[in-house]
Protein backbone atom coordinates (compact mmCIF):
# COMPACT_ATOMS: atom_id res chain seq x y z
CA MET A 1 81.12 102.70 106.64
CA THR A 2 82.88 106.05 106.21
CA GLY A 3 85.01 106.84 103.02
CA GLN A 4 88.33 105.96 104.80
CA ASP A 5 86.70 102.76 105.87
CA ALA A 6 85.52 101.96 102.63
CA ARG A 7 88.81 102.70 101.01
CA THR A 8 90.85 100.60 103.31
CA THR A 9 88.25 97.66 102.30
CA ILE A 10 88.74 97.90 98.77
CA LEU A 11 92.59 98.08 98.75
CA ALA A 12 92.65 95.03 101.23
CA LEU A 13 90.72 93.06 98.59
CA PHE A 14 93.05 94.27 96.17
CA ARG A 15 96.20 93.36 98.17
CA ALA A 16 94.55 89.59 98.89
CA ALA A 17 94.11 89.34 95.12
CA GLY A 18 97.87 89.77 94.07
CA ASP A 19 97.83 90.22 90.32
CA GLY A 20 94.12 88.95 90.13
CA PHE A 21 90.75 90.47 89.46
CA VAL A 22 88.26 91.22 92.24
CA SER A 23 84.65 90.98 91.07
CA GLY A 24 82.32 93.86 91.75
CA ALA A 25 80.24 91.61 93.57
CA GLN A 26 82.97 90.67 96.03
CA ILE A 27 83.54 94.29 96.50
CA SER A 28 79.63 94.90 97.24
CA ARG A 29 79.35 92.25 99.43
CA ALA A 30 82.19 93.88 101.55
CA LEU A 31 80.93 97.33 101.66
CA GLY A 32 77.26 96.72 101.25
CA VAL A 33 76.80 98.96 98.80
CA SER A 34 75.49 98.84 95.46
CA ARG A 35 77.30 98.24 91.85
CA THR A 36 77.10 101.65 91.03
CA ALA A 37 78.19 102.80 94.65
CA ILE A 38 81.33 100.70 93.73
CA TRP A 39 81.91 102.77 90.81
CA LYS A 40 82.21 106.04 92.50
CA LYS A 41 84.53 104.57 95.34
CA ILE A 42 87.14 103.17 92.40
CA GLU A 43 86.73 106.80 91.13
CA GLN A 44 87.77 108.18 94.47
CA LEU A 45 90.90 105.84 94.34
CA ARG A 46 92.03 106.85 91.24
CA LEU A 47 91.53 110.51 92.01
CA LEU A 48 94.03 109.91 94.77
CA GLY A 49 96.56 108.30 91.94
CA TYR A 50 95.97 104.68 91.68
CA ALA A 51 95.87 102.86 88.66
CA ILE A 52 92.87 100.49 88.56
CA GLU A 53 91.68 98.58 85.49
CA ALA A 54 88.28 97.65 85.01
CA VAL A 55 87.29 94.60 82.80
CA PRO A 56 83.85 93.65 82.16
CA SER A 57 82.99 90.04 83.43
CA LYS A 58 86.25 90.10 85.58
CA GLY A 59 86.17 93.31 88.00
CA TYR A 60 88.84 95.70 89.04
CA ARG A 61 92.75 95.06 89.37
CA LEU A 62 95.12 97.20 90.92
CA GLN A 63 98.03 97.93 88.60
CA GLY A 64 99.55 100.60 90.82
CA SER A 65 99.83 102.82 93.82
CA PRO A 66 100.57 106.39 94.77
CA ASP A 67 102.91 107.20 97.60
CA VAL A 68 99.62 108.11 99.77
CA LEU A 69 99.69 107.32 103.55
CA LEU A 70 96.36 105.72 103.47
CA ALA A 71 95.34 103.51 106.47
CA ALA A 72 95.51 100.02 104.40
CA GLU A 73 98.65 101.36 102.85
CA VAL A 74 100.38 101.74 106.12
CA GLN A 75 99.16 98.52 108.05
CA ALA A 76 99.60 96.00 105.36
CA ASN A 77 102.16 93.69 106.37
CA LEU A 78 103.11 96.38 109.21
CA GLU A 79 103.80 93.31 112.09
CA THR A 80 103.95 95.76 115.19
CA GLU A 81 102.79 94.71 118.25
CA ARG A 82 101.13 98.27 119.29
CA ILE A 83 101.99 101.27 117.46
CA GLY A 84 99.71 101.37 114.03
CA CYS A 85 96.95 99.54 115.77
CA GLU A 86 94.54 101.97 113.93
CA VAL A 87 96.02 104.46 111.36
CA ILE A 88 93.88 107.72 110.85
CA TYR A 89 94.71 109.61 107.78
CA TYR A 90 93.67 112.93 106.59
CA ALA A 91 94.33 114.79 103.21
CA GLU A 92 94.59 117.87 105.20
CA THR A 93 94.03 118.55 108.62
CA ASP A 94 95.16 121.55 111.33
CA SER A 95 97.21 119.40 113.08
CA THR A 96 97.92 115.79 113.88
CA ASN A 97 98.70 116.40 117.37
CA LEU A 98 95.11 117.85 117.75
CA CYS A 99 93.29 115.09 116.02
CA ALA A 100 95.59 112.67 118.48
CA HIS A 101 94.52 114.70 121.29
CA GLU A 102 90.75 114.40 120.35
CA LEU A 103 91.05 110.60 120.14
CA GLY A 104 92.91 110.41 123.28
CA LYS A 105 90.26 112.07 125.31
CA ALA A 106 87.42 109.40 123.41
CA GLY A 107 89.37 106.69 124.52
CA ALA A 108 91.07 105.70 121.15
CA PRO A 109 93.56 102.37 121.87
CA GLU A 110 97.37 102.85 122.54
CA GLY A 111 99.51 102.94 119.49
CA SER A 112 96.63 104.84 117.28
CA VAL A 113 98.46 106.66 114.62
CA VAL A 114 97.29 110.18 112.60
CA LEU A 115 98.73 111.10 109.55
CA ALA A 116 98.12 113.99 107.32
CA ASP A 117 99.31 114.69 103.58
CA SER A 118 99.11 117.94 104.72
CA GLN A 119 98.58 120.63 107.92
CA ILE A 120 97.21 124.31 107.74
CA ALA A 121 98.40 124.63 111.63
CA GLY A 122 101.51 122.63 112.35
CA ARG A 123 103.01 123.52 115.73
CA GLY A 124 106.63 122.89 116.87
CA ARG A 125 108.21 123.56 120.46
CA LEU A 126 107.25 126.67 122.01
CA GLY A 127 104.49 127.73 119.72
CA ARG A 128 106.60 128.05 116.84
CA ARG A 129 104.94 127.18 113.45
CA TRP A 130 105.72 123.98 111.86
CA CYS A 131 105.79 124.27 107.85
CA SER A 132 103.99 121.44 106.41
CA PRO A 133 103.20 121.94 102.54
CA PRO A 134 101.00 118.99 101.04
CA GLY A 135 102.46 115.75 99.13
CA VAL A 136 106.42 115.99 100.62
CA ASN A 137 106.71 115.02 103.89
CA LEU A 138 105.73 113.38 106.98
CA TYR A 139 103.26 114.83 109.41
CA ALA A 140 102.65 111.94 111.91
CA SER A 141 101.44 111.79 115.49
CA VAL A 142 101.35 108.48 118.01
CA LEU A 143 98.93 107.98 120.66
CA LEU A 144 100.45 106.26 123.76
CA ARG A 145 99.19 105.60 127.30
CA PRO A 146 102.56 104.84 129.34
CA PRO A 147 101.94 103.47 132.51
CA VAL A 148 104.49 106.12 134.27
CA ALA A 149 104.16 108.89 136.42
CA PRO A 150 103.88 112.68 134.20
CA ARG A 151 107.48 113.44 135.22
CA TYR A 152 108.84 110.77 133.09
CA ALA A 153 106.86 111.70 130.11
CA SER A 154 110.22 113.45 128.75
CA GLN A 155 111.74 110.11 128.58
CA LEU A 156 109.47 109.55 125.33
CA THR A 157 110.96 112.42 123.53
CA PHE A 158 114.38 110.45 123.42
CA LEU A 159 112.37 107.46 122.46
CA SER A 160 110.88 108.75 118.97
CA ALA A 161 113.92 110.62 118.56
CA ALA A 162 116.13 107.42 118.48
CA ALA A 163 113.11 105.86 116.16
CA VAL A 164 113.30 108.69 113.90
CA ALA A 165 117.18 108.88 113.37
CA ARG A 166 117.12 104.99 113.21
CA THR A 167 115.01 105.39 110.50
CA VAL A 168 116.23 108.25 108.35
CA ALA A 169 119.67 106.16 108.76
CA GLU A 170 118.23 103.14 107.42
CA THR A 171 115.84 104.43 104.60
CA GLY A 172 118.16 106.93 103.32
CA ASN A 173 121.45 105.85 104.25
CA LEU A 174 122.57 109.03 105.83
CA ALA A 175 124.67 109.67 108.64
CA ALA A 176 121.82 110.99 111.15
CA THR A 177 122.65 112.93 114.77
CA VAL A 178 120.17 114.13 117.17
CA LYS A 179 120.21 117.69 118.74
CA TRP A 180 119.37 117.56 122.41
CA PRO A 181 116.65 117.01 123.30
CA ASN A 182 114.12 116.78 120.24
CA ASP A 183 115.60 117.35 116.50
CA VAL A 184 117.03 114.78 114.61
CA LEU A 185 119.99 116.33 112.29
CA VAL A 186 121.73 115.27 108.88
CA GLY A 187 125.06 117.33 108.13
CA GLY A 188 124.32 119.91 110.86
CA ARG A 189 120.75 120.61 109.59
CA LYS A 190 117.49 119.88 110.96
CA ILE A 191 115.57 117.09 109.07
CA ALA A 192 112.72 116.41 111.76
CA GLY A 193 111.32 117.89 114.87
CA LEU A 194 109.10 116.36 117.66
CA LEU A 195 106.67 117.71 119.49
CA ASN A 196 105.60 115.68 122.37
CA GLU A 197 102.43 116.54 124.63
CA LEU A 198 100.42 114.84 127.23
CA ASP A 199 97.27 115.13 129.50
CA ALA A 200 97.87 114.30 132.93
CA GLU A 201 97.08 114.56 136.65
CA THR A 202 99.53 114.65 138.96
CA GLU A 203 100.33 111.37 139.26
CA GLN A 204 98.62 109.63 136.12
CA ILE A 205 99.02 110.02 132.46
CA HIS A 206 96.17 109.58 130.62
CA TYR A 207 97.71 109.57 127.31
CA LEU A 208 100.61 111.21 125.38
CA VAL A 209 101.12 112.29 122.05
CA LEU A 210 104.30 111.88 119.90
CA GLY A 211 104.19 114.60 117.54
CA ILE A 212 106.57 113.86 114.58
CA GLY A 213 107.48 115.93 111.37
CA VAL A 214 110.09 114.75 109.20
CA ASN A 215 110.98 116.61 105.85
CA LEU A 216 111.38 113.74 103.24
CA ASN A 217 110.72 115.26 99.66
CA MET A 218 110.96 118.93 100.53
CA ARG A 219 112.48 121.29 97.62
CA THR A 220 115.03 124.10 99.17
CA GLU A 221 112.43 126.79 97.70
CA GLN A 222 109.97 125.36 99.90
CA PHE A 223 111.68 126.24 102.93
CA PRO A 224 110.39 129.24 104.84
CA GLU A 225 113.04 132.02 104.80
CA ASP A 226 112.22 132.67 108.53
CA LEU A 227 113.92 129.30 109.66
CA ARG A 228 115.47 129.46 113.56
CA TYR A 229 118.01 126.91 112.37
CA PRO A 230 119.37 125.47 108.84
CA ALA A 231 117.29 122.64 107.67
CA THR A 232 117.10 119.99 105.12
CA SER A 233 115.22 117.21 103.44
CA MET A 234 115.74 113.67 102.91
CA MET A 235 115.87 114.13 99.01
CA LEU A 236 118.30 116.93 99.16
CA GLU A 237 120.76 114.82 101.13
CA CYS A 238 119.94 111.38 98.95
CA GLY A 239 119.50 113.17 95.78
CA ARG A 240 116.36 111.17 94.80
CA LYS A 241 112.43 111.21 96.02
CA VAL A 242 111.74 109.32 99.10
CA SER A 243 109.13 106.98 99.61
CA ARG A 244 106.80 108.31 102.52
CA LEU A 245 104.98 105.04 102.88
CA ASP A 246 108.45 103.03 102.93
CA PHE A 247 109.28 105.66 105.59
CA VAL A 248 106.47 105.83 108.00
CA ARG A 249 105.98 101.86 107.96
CA CYS A 250 109.82 101.88 108.84
CA LEU A 251 109.36 104.51 111.51
CA LEU A 252 106.34 102.92 112.92
CA ARG A 253 108.33 99.56 113.31
CA HIS A 254 111.07 101.16 115.33
CA LEU A 255 108.73 103.08 117.51
CA ASP A 256 106.79 99.64 118.16
CA HIS A 257 110.22 98.22 119.08
CA LEU A 258 111.54 100.73 121.42
CA TYR A 259 108.35 101.31 123.18
CA ALA A 260 108.28 97.45 124.01
CA LEU A 261 111.98 97.82 125.23
CA TYR A 262 110.78 101.09 127.42
CA LEU A 263 107.91 99.15 128.77
CA SER A 264 109.94 96.36 129.65
CA GLU A 265 113.12 97.15 130.76
CA GLY A 266 112.74 100.97 131.41
CA PHE A 267 114.30 104.27 129.95
CA PRO A 268 117.87 103.23 130.46
CA PRO A 269 118.43 101.16 127.04
CA VAL A 270 116.18 103.70 125.14
CA LEU A 271 118.76 106.41 126.35
CA ALA A 272 121.47 104.19 125.02
CA VAL A 273 119.83 103.93 121.84
CA TRP A 274 119.38 107.79 121.60
CA GLN A 275 123.27 108.41 122.74
CA GLN A 276 124.56 106.43 119.51
CA TYR A 277 123.39 109.41 117.78
CA PHE A 278 124.35 112.36 120.19
CA ASP A 279 127.60 113.98 118.93
CA LEU A 280 128.15 117.20 121.06
CA VAL A 281 129.51 115.63 123.89
CA GLY A 282 133.14 117.49 124.67
CA ARG A 283 131.84 120.19 122.24
CA SER A 284 131.23 124.11 123.44
CA VAL A 285 127.19 124.89 123.20
CA GLU A 286 125.15 127.80 123.92
CA VAL A 287 121.74 127.00 125.65
CA ASP A 288 118.93 129.25 125.28
CA LEU A 289 116.62 128.78 128.67
CA GLN A 290 114.13 131.56 127.59
CA ASP A 291 114.95 133.73 130.58
CA ARG A 292 118.77 133.41 130.04
CA ARG A 293 121.50 132.19 128.10
CA ILE A 294 124.40 129.89 129.12
CA ILE A 295 127.55 128.22 127.41
CA GLY A 296 129.44 125.71 128.50
CA LYS A 297 130.86 122.20 127.61
CA VAL A 298 128.61 119.23 126.98
CA ALA A 299 129.96 116.49 129.40
CA GLY A 300 126.96 114.16 128.33
CA LEU A 301 123.41 112.84 129.88
CA ASP A 302 122.45 112.58 133.45
CA SER A 303 120.71 108.79 133.70
CA ASP A 304 116.95 110.84 133.55
CA GLY A 305 118.24 112.48 130.15
CA ALA A 306 119.11 115.78 131.63
CA LEU A 307 121.88 117.66 129.56
CA LEU A 308 125.03 117.90 132.08
CA LEU A 309 126.95 121.29 130.77
CA ASP A 310 130.24 122.08 132.55
CA LEU A 311 130.41 126.03 132.79
CA THR A 312 133.20 128.32 132.09
CA ASP A 313 133.42 129.21 136.05
CA GLY A 314 134.13 125.27 136.80
CA THR A 315 130.36 124.71 137.82
CA ARG A 316 128.27 121.57 136.24
CA GLU A 317 124.36 122.71 135.65
CA ARG A 318 121.76 120.09 134.84
CA VAL A 319 119.68 121.42 132.14
CA LEU A 320 116.29 119.88 131.52
CA ALA A 321 114.72 122.24 129.03
CA GLY A 322 116.39 124.36 126.44
CA ASP A 323 117.50 124.74 123.11
CA VAL A 324 121.23 124.06 122.24
CA LYS A 325 123.18 125.70 119.80
CA PRO A 326 126.88 124.12 119.11
CA LEU A 327 129.51 126.89 119.09
């Protein structure tokens, strides 16, 4: 049994016991290890911040939990259909998206989630660096295997953005907006970014990774000076710390609901949810298309999620990819 599996099992025993004690014999049977080995596992949980009481002849009792995204904590009473069926947590990893790619290639089930306390090689769109300090934010990747052609993969970006916007609004009582196609803002400042990647053949998606980074408890001085877009965090906007565990559990439930909606009814209802948070219709924007920049007024979205832009020469352009900057 891996260290993560052992922690998950012990925490599940604590949850089942409520305010009661769990005997060393119970833990020993569940883990298949000696009483001495149990003590080491308990100490590992204490090092993570768990307050665990030990009483001779009674056993162990959980008295307090830290804001750590262990699988056992995330999955406790999660009640989702697909998302979160498996949760893997890393104290540190290079990138949750890279880990999710490895899971996808290894045949992991749809709905598997990778979480990390910190990333040493977090990535944003177009190869940009995603600042990933430990202990303050959410770094997550969700593995999906949608039964759609690769040309529709971009639709899942709107799904994850809508789920994040809903969660920001619900957990922080904040007015979240979405910046086409894959950023979530509060007060015009970026609070979350999405990086969706896929492994596919011409007509079949093998798997798709929804990469999600949300600034939860980041302080002003922790943001890099070279940001391309003004940023903020939930804590800065709410004036209080946000529980990472509460946030991720809420997010997984919204992802699960919207993905089920997508599978049963297609893209239109998901796009309609996304549009509830889109506030750029009728406003002038500049769009960086990499090879050129265009300026126009946002007319709305096409049925496939393309941005419709009315240019100054009277023509309308469909934008499939680019960075949007309000003017």
